[in-house]
Amino acid sequence: MNPNSPEHSAEAAGCTAGESALVRRPPLWRKALPYLGTALIFAIIFYKIPLGDVAKALEQVPVLKFVALFFPFCALYWLVDSFCLTWVVRRFNAPMRYRDILPIRASMYLLSLINTNLGQGGVAYYLYRKARIPFLEALGSILFIAVMEVYQLFLFSTAGVIFYSPSRPEQSEIVHVMRFMYVAAWIAFFAMVGLSAAARRRASVARWLETGRAGGLARTFVEARPRDYAIVLALKAPSFVLALIAQFFALSMYGIPIPLERLIVFLPLVFMAAALPIAVAHLGTSQAAWLLFFAGSAPEATILAYSLAAHVTFMACNGVIGVFFLPRASRELTAVEHTP
């Protein structure tokens, strides 16, 4: 359907009421949960690891080298991220240009510093206003990318989990649990792909998926074919490869010797822990995962200091890119707000 057609505009207008009901402002207690989660995680961490030891370890962080390493990585990550978003939107929603996606994607990294969902919602709102894509359909495409990001991490670490030989008893227990979880995760993935195929073949399944309160969210998943899943996984793959390289060299700069094969196995789990919506700015869960999976590679205070320094450097570099493009993104949003 042509997104500029009267029918599409009417559809977008008609679903506004339903969408607004789904995107209600959450209660105050729910907003407070990530802050409480972050505080609780750090309270547990610092109960075990003296704060003074972490402070001393942080003094040894090569800040300028970290910035010189992470800023180019963040720039490349943004370019890859924006290209993947452009491809998905063009494939499932509307003919958007890469150069129109770049500034809004960069500026939304600022919202993601607080909460990932805010950044995703901001991009969906821009697509809704700019290309007249129904908000829930735009959000569904972004959710599709988010799901593929998770499975990209599963994909990179699956072989490592299968063949990894633990060197410590606690690692052996973790790997056994991970193998069970990975089997369940891949079964869920193929079930999702199979449900999408069934929805394309049977109108009753499609109606069941698309007529619920959040039916618009399912549209991209219903239309996605196996090759679409493969293409998005391939488009997101450079992001993890770049992150792996950046972390490997950053660890070396800080004097933490972690073999590359161990990073391939456990770094995806650190990223997945960081993505859990129970903390603020991805803090807390990420540090807990670094301590869990890389214990023994260095003193705990050093591991914690590295995870904090690398995380803050990455977020700050993303924030700088976002600030640089914020004026252009603001002009874009202002322009679409005044578009009849």
Protein backbone atom coordinates (compact mmCIF):
# COMPACT_ATOMS: atom_id res chain seq x y z
CA MET A 1 0.00 0.00 0.00
CA ASN A 2 1.25 3.47 -0.85
CA PRO A 3 2.02 5.27 2.46
CA ASN A 4 0.99 8.60 0.90
CA SER A 5 -2.36 7.37 -0.33
CA PRO A 6 -5.63 8.60 1.26
CA GLU A 7 -6.42 5.06 2.36
CA HIS A 8 -3.15 4.74 4.23
CA SER A 9 -3.56 8.17 5.83
CA ALA A 10 -7.04 7.24 6.98
CA GLU A 11 -5.73 3.99 8.38
CA ALA A 12 -2.98 5.83 10.26
CA ALA A 13 -5.49 8.31 11.64
CA GLY A 14 -7.95 5.61 12.50
CA CYS A 15 -5.49 3.62 14.55
CA THR A 16 -4.28 6.61 16.54
CA ALA A 17 -6.86 6.15 19.28
CA GLY A 18 -6.05 2.48 19.70
CA GLU A 19 -2.34 3.15 19.67
CA SER A 20 -2.61 5.87 22.27
CA ALA A 21 -4.43 3.42 24.51
CA LEU A 22 -1.54 1.00 24.17
CA VAL A 23 1.16 3.62 24.71
CA ARG A 24 -0.18 5.03 27.97
CA ARG A 25 2.21 6.64 30.40
CA PRO A 26 3.38 3.96 32.85
CA PRO A 27 2.69 4.45 36.57
CA LEU A 28 5.36 6.05 38.74
CA TRP A 29 6.23 2.80 40.53
CA ARG A 30 7.00 1.11 37.21
CA LYS A 31 9.26 4.00 36.19
CA ALA A 32 11.15 3.60 39.45
CA LEU A 33 11.84 -0.13 38.98
CA PRO A 34 14.94 0.25 36.72
CA TYR A 35 16.50 2.70 39.20
CA LEU A 36 15.80 0.37 42.09
CA GLY A 37 17.15 -2.58 40.09
CA THR A 38 20.38 -0.74 39.28
CA ALA A 39 20.84 0.35 42.90
CA LEU A 40 20.22 -3.19 44.18
CA ILE A 41 22.70 -4.78 41.74
CA PHE A 42 25.44 -2.30 42.62
CA ALA A 43 24.71 -2.71 46.33
CA ILE A 44 25.30 -6.45 46.00
CA ILE A 45 28.44 -5.93 43.90
CA PHE A 46 30.00 -3.40 46.25
CA TYR A 47 29.10 -5.54 49.24
CA LYS A 48 31.50 -8.15 47.83
CA ILE A 49 34.07 -5.83 46.23
CA PRO A 50 35.48 -2.90 48.26
CA LEU A 51 34.68 0.43 46.66
CA GLY A 52 38.22 1.66 47.39
CA ASP A 53 39.75 -1.17 45.33
CA VAL A 54 37.50 -0.31 42.39
CA ALA A 55 38.44 3.37 42.65
CA LYS A 56 42.14 2.50 42.56
CA ALA A 57 41.57 0.26 39.54
CA LEU A 58 39.67 3.02 37.76
CA GLU A 59 42.68 5.31 38.15
CA GLN A 60 44.64 2.95 35.90
CA VAL A 61 42.14 3.11 33.02
CA PRO A 62 43.79 4.54 29.84
CA VAL A 63 40.96 7.00 29.17
CA LEU A 64 42.38 8.65 26.04
CA LYS A 65 43.20 5.28 24.47
CA PHE A 66 39.69 4.05 25.26
CA VAL A 67 38.16 7.10 23.59
CA ALA A 68 40.43 6.74 20.56
CA LEU A 69 39.31 3.11 20.23
CA PHE A 70 35.61 3.34 21.06
CA PHE A 71 34.70 6.50 19.14
CA PRO A 72 35.45 5.03 15.66
CA PHE A 73 33.71 1.84 16.79
CA CYS A 74 30.62 3.83 17.83
CA ALA A 75 30.60 5.68 14.50
CA LEU A 76 30.75 2.42 12.53
CA TYR A 77 28.12 0.89 14.81
CA TRP A 78 25.79 3.84 14.12
CA LEU A 79 26.27 3.51 10.34
CA VAL A 80 25.54 -0.24 10.43
CA ASP A 81 22.60 0.22 12.80
CA SER A 82 21.07 2.94 10.60
CA PHE A 83 21.54 0.89 7.42
CA CYS A 84 19.78 -2.11 8.98
CA LEU A 85 16.90 0.09 10.17
CA THR A 86 16.59 1.64 6.70
CA TRP A 87 16.48 -1.78 5.04
CA VAL A 88 13.79 -3.09 7.40
CA VAL A 89 11.62 0.03 7.07
CA ARG A 90 11.91 -0.01 3.27
CA ARG A 91 11.14 -3.72 3.17
CA PHE A 92 8.09 -3.69 5.45
CA ASN A 93 6.79 -0.13 5.86
CA ALA A 94 7.70 2.76 3.55
CA PRO A 95 10.47 3.96 1.16
CA MET A 96 12.69 5.85 3.62
CA ARG A 97 16.14 7.15 2.68
CA TYR A 98 19.32 6.18 4.53
CA ARG A 99 20.29 9.84 4.94
CA ASP A 100 16.94 10.56 6.62
CA ILE A 101 17.39 7.70 9.08
CA LEU A 102 20.98 8.60 10.07
CA PRO A 103 20.31 11.76 12.12
CA ILE A 104 17.25 10.46 13.95
CA ARG A 105 18.96 7.17 14.77
CA ALA A 106 21.98 9.06 16.15
CA SER A 107 19.91 11.49 18.22
CA MET A 108 17.85 8.69 19.74
CA TYR A 109 21.02 7.26 21.26
CA LEU A 110 20.67 10.11 23.76
CA LEU A 111 17.32 8.73 24.93
CA SER A 112 18.80 5.23 25.00
CA LEU A 113 21.32 6.44 27.58
CA ILE A 114 18.38 6.51 29.99
CA ASN A 115 16.22 3.70 28.65
CA THR A 116 16.46 1.62 25.47
CA ASN A 117 12.68 1.64 25.07
CA LEU A 118 12.65 5.44 24.96
CA GLY A 119 15.10 5.43 22.04
CA GLN A 120 13.11 2.81 20.16
CA GLY A 121 9.85 4.65 20.79
CA GLY A 122 11.41 7.89 19.55
CA VAL A 123 12.44 6.31 16.26
CA ALA A 124 8.97 4.77 15.85
CA TYR A 125 7.35 8.15 16.45
CA TYR A 126 9.59 9.78 13.84
CA LEU A 127 8.66 7.11 11.28
CA TYR A 128 4.98 7.58 12.16
CA ARG A 129 5.16 11.33 11.59
CA LYS A 130 7.62 11.39 8.68
CA ALA A 131 6.36 8.50 6.54
CA ARG A 132 2.81 8.17 7.91
CA ILE A 133 3.57 4.63 9.06
CA PRO A 134 1.11 3.57 11.77
CA PHE A 135 2.95 3.87 15.06
CA LEU A 136 2.52 0.25 16.14
CA GLU A 137 3.67 -1.01 12.74
CA ALA A 138 6.79 1.16 12.96
CA LEU A 139 7.38 -0.08 16.50
CA GLY A 140 6.86 -3.65 15.29
CA SER A 141 9.66 -3.25 12.72
CA ILE A 142 11.98 -1.89 15.40
CA LEU A 143 11.00 -4.80 17.67
CA PHE A 144 11.79 -7.18 14.80
CA ILE A 145 15.32 -5.73 14.61
CA ALA A 146 15.68 -5.99 18.41
CA VAL A 147 14.72 -9.67 18.33
CA MET A 148 17.22 -10.27 15.54
CA GLU A 149 19.90 -8.50 17.58
CA VAL A 150 19.34 -10.98 20.39
CA TYR A 151 19.49 -13.94 18.02
CA GLN A 152 22.57 -12.52 16.38
CA LEU A 153 24.25 -12.81 19.78
CA PHE A 154 22.92 -16.35 20.15
CA LEU A 155 24.23 -17.18 16.68
CA PHE A 156 27.75 -15.97 17.37
CA SER A 157 28.03 -17.75 20.70
CA THR A 158 26.20 -21.01 19.94
CA ALA A 159 29.20 -22.78 18.41
CA GLY A 160 31.37 -21.57 21.27
CA VAL A 161 28.90 -22.83 23.88
CA ILE A 162 28.80 -26.24 22.20
CA PHE A 163 32.57 -26.68 21.92
CA TYR A 164 33.85 -24.58 24.83
CA SER A 165 35.84 -26.49 27.45
CA PRO A 166 35.34 -24.84 30.87
CA SER A 167 38.49 -24.37 32.95
CA ARG A 168 36.72 -23.88 36.30
CA PRO A 169 33.89 -25.83 38.03
CA GLU A 170 31.55 -22.81 38.20
CA GLN A 171 32.09 -22.19 34.47
CA SER A 172 31.17 -25.80 33.77
CA GLU A 173 27.83 -25.34 35.54
CA ILE A 174 27.16 -22.10 33.66
CA VAL A 175 27.94 -23.68 30.29
CA HIS A 176 25.63 -26.65 31.00
CA VAL A 177 22.77 -24.28 31.81
CA MET A 178 23.57 -22.19 28.74
CA ARG A 179 23.42 -25.23 26.45
CA PHE A 180 19.92 -26.02 27.69
CA MET A 181 18.85 -22.37 27.29
CA TYR A 182 20.28 -22.20 23.77
CA VAL A 183 18.34 -25.26 22.66
CA ALA A 184 15.14 -23.68 24.02
CA ALA A 185 15.97 -20.33 22.39
CA TRP A 186 16.54 -21.83 18.94
CA ILE A 187 13.34 -23.89 19.22
CA ALA A 188 11.50 -20.65 20.00
CA PHE A 189 13.14 -18.95 17.01
CA PHE A 190 12.09 -21.61 14.52
CA ALA A 191 8.62 -21.68 16.07
CA MET A 192 8.40 -17.91 15.45
CA VAL A 193 9.49 -18.35 11.83
CA GLY A 194 7.00 -21.21 11.42
CA LEU A 195 4.17 -19.13 12.90
CA SER A 196 4.95 -16.33 10.43
CA ALA A 197 4.82 -18.80 7.55
CA ALA A 198 1.52 -20.20 8.82
CA ALA A 199 0.06 -16.67 9.01
CA ARG A 200 0.94 -16.08 5.35
CA ARG A 201 -0.69 -19.35 4.28
CA ARG A 202 -3.78 -19.27 6.50
CA ALA A 203 -5.95 -16.20 6.85
CA SER A 204 -7.29 -17.40 10.21
CA VAL A 205 -3.79 -17.40 11.74
CA ALA A 206 -3.06 -13.97 10.28
CA ARG A 207 -6.32 -12.59 11.71
CA TRP A 208 -5.50 -14.08 15.11
CA LEU A 209 -2.13 -12.32 15.11
CA GLU A 210 -3.21 -9.01 13.62
CA THR A 211 -6.61 -8.35 15.23
CA GLY A 212 -5.46 -8.19 18.85
CA ARG A 213 -4.92 -4.95 20.75
CA ALA A 214 -1.28 -4.88 19.63
CA GLY A 215 -1.92 -6.42 16.23
CA GLY A 216 0.11 -3.76 14.43
CA LEU A 217 3.23 -4.97 16.22
CA ALA A 218 2.85 -8.38 14.56
CA ARG A 219 2.66 -7.10 10.97
CA THR A 220 6.40 -7.15 10.27
CA PHE A 221 6.77 -10.60 11.84
CA VAL A 222 3.87 -11.93 9.75
CA GLU A 223 5.32 -10.58 6.51
CA ALA A 224 8.92 -11.61 7.26
CA ARG A 225 10.11 -14.60 5.28
CA PRO A 226 13.09 -16.80 6.20
CA ARG A 227 15.35 -14.82 3.84
CA ASP A 228 14.34 -11.60 5.63
CA TYR A 229 15.46 -13.07 8.95
CA ALA A 230 18.73 -14.13 7.33
CA ILE A 231 19.30 -10.72 5.74
CA VAL A 232 18.74 -8.82 8.99
CA LEU A 233 21.04 -11.21 10.86
CA ALA A 234 23.68 -10.61 8.20
CA LEU A 235 23.20 -6.83 8.36
CA LYS A 236 23.59 -6.83 12.16
CA ALA A 237 26.56 -9.21 12.19
CA PRO A 238 29.21 -6.49 11.62
CA SER A 239 28.03 -4.77 14.81
CA PHE A 240 29.04 -7.71 16.97
CA VAL A 241 32.29 -8.31 15.08
CA LEU A 242 33.24 -4.66 15.60
CA ALA A 243 32.28 -4.86 19.29
CA LEU A 244 34.32 -8.02 19.73
CA ILE A 245 37.40 -6.39 18.18
CA ALA A 246 36.96 -3.20 20.23
CA GLN A 247 36.57 -5.09 23.51
CA PHE A 248 39.53 -7.37 22.76
CA PHE A 249 41.88 -4.44 22.17
CA ALA A 250 40.46 -2.42 25.07
CA LEU A 251 41.05 -5.34 27.44
CA SER A 252 44.62 -5.59 26.16
CA MET A 253 45.15 -1.86 26.76
CA TYR A 254 44.04 -2.36 30.35
CA GLY A 255 46.16 -5.44 30.86
CA ILE A 256 43.41 -8.04 31.14
CA PRO A 257 44.35 -11.16 29.14
CA ILE A 258 41.14 -12.81 27.91
CA PRO A 259 41.49 -15.20 24.96
CA LEU A 260 39.47 -14.33 21.87
CA GLU A 261 37.57 -17.64 21.91
CA ARG A 262 36.39 -16.98 25.46
CA LEU A 263 35.21 -13.52 24.46
CA ILE A 264 33.26 -15.01 21.54
CA VAL A 265 31.46 -17.36 23.94
CA PHE A 266 30.66 -15.00 26.80
CA LEU A 267 30.65 -11.44 25.40
CA PRO A 268 27.23 -11.96 23.73
CA LEU A 269 25.86 -12.90 27.15
CA VAL A 270 27.26 -9.69 28.62
CA PHE A 271 25.48 -7.72 25.89
CA MET A 272 22.24 -9.61 26.47
CA ALA A 273 22.46 -8.94 30.21
CA ALA A 274 23.04 -5.26 29.47
CA ALA A 275 19.89 -5.20 27.34
CA LEU A 276 17.63 -6.44 30.15
CA PRO A 277 15.03 -3.74 30.96
CA ILE A 278 15.68 -3.87 34.71
CA ALA A 279 18.40 -1.24 35.00
CA VAL A 280 19.17 2.34 33.99
CA ALA A 281 21.49 3.11 31.06
CA HIS A 282 22.41 -0.61 30.83
CA LEU A 283 24.35 -0.29 34.09
CA GLY A 284 24.43 -2.97 36.77
CA THR A 285 23.44 -6.03 34.77
CA SER A 286 26.40 -5.54 32.44
CA GLN A 287 28.87 -5.31 35.34
CA ALA A 288 27.36 -8.35 37.04
CA ALA A 289 27.75 -10.34 33.80
CA TRP A 290 31.40 -9.31 33.39
CA LEU A 291 32.12 -10.49 36.93
CA LEU A 292 30.23 -13.74 36.41
CA PHE A 293 31.69 -14.81 33.08
CA PHE A 294 35.24 -13.43 33.30
CA ALA A 295 36.11 -14.08 36.93
CA GLY A 296 39.66 -15.33 37.23
CA SER A 297 40.98 -13.32 34.29
CA ALA A 298 41.95 -10.49 36.66
CA PRO A 299 41.11 -9.28 40.19
CA GLU A 300 37.39 -8.63 40.60
CA ALA A 301 37.97 -4.93 41.23
CA THR A 302 39.89 -4.69 37.95
CA ILE A 303 37.17 -6.52 36.00
CA LEU A 304 34.52 -4.25 37.52
CA ALA A 305 36.57 -1.11 36.80
CA TYR A 306 37.07 -2.18 33.18
CA SER A 307 33.39 -2.93 32.64
CA LEU A 308 32.42 0.46 34.05
CA ALA A 309 35.06 2.37 32.09
CA ALA A 310 34.35 0.61 28.78
CA HIS A 311 30.60 0.94 29.21
CA VAL A 312 30.69 4.63 30.11
CA THR A 313 33.14 5.36 27.26
CA PHE A 314 30.89 3.60 24.74
CA MET A 315 27.78 5.40 25.98
CA ALA A 316 29.57 8.76 26.05
CA CYS A 317 30.82 8.33 22.46
CA ASN A 318 27.31 7.42 21.34
CA GLY A 319 26.07 10.48 23.19
CA VAL A 320 28.56 12.73 21.38
CA ILE A 321 27.35 11.43 18.02
CA GLY A 322 23.76 11.97 19.16
CA VAL A 323 24.45 15.55 20.29
CA PHE A 324 26.12 16.34 16.96
CA PHE A 325 23.01 15.27 15.01
CA LEU A 326 20.43 16.47 17.54
CA PRO A 327 19.83 19.89 15.85
CA ARG A 328 19.13 18.25 12.50
CA ALA A 329 16.89 15.63 14.08
CA SER A 330 15.01 18.38 15.94
CA ARG A 331 14.46 20.26 12.68
CA GLU A 332 13.18 17.06 11.07
CA LEU A 333 10.74 16.39 13.91
CA THR A 334 9.58 20.01 13.95
CA ALA A 335 9.01 19.89 10.21
CA VAL A 336 6.95 16.71 10.35
CA GLU A 337 4.95 18.06 13.31
CA HIS A 338 3.80 20.94 11.08
CA THR A 339 3.10 18.73 8.07
CA PRO A 340 -0.68 18.51 7.47
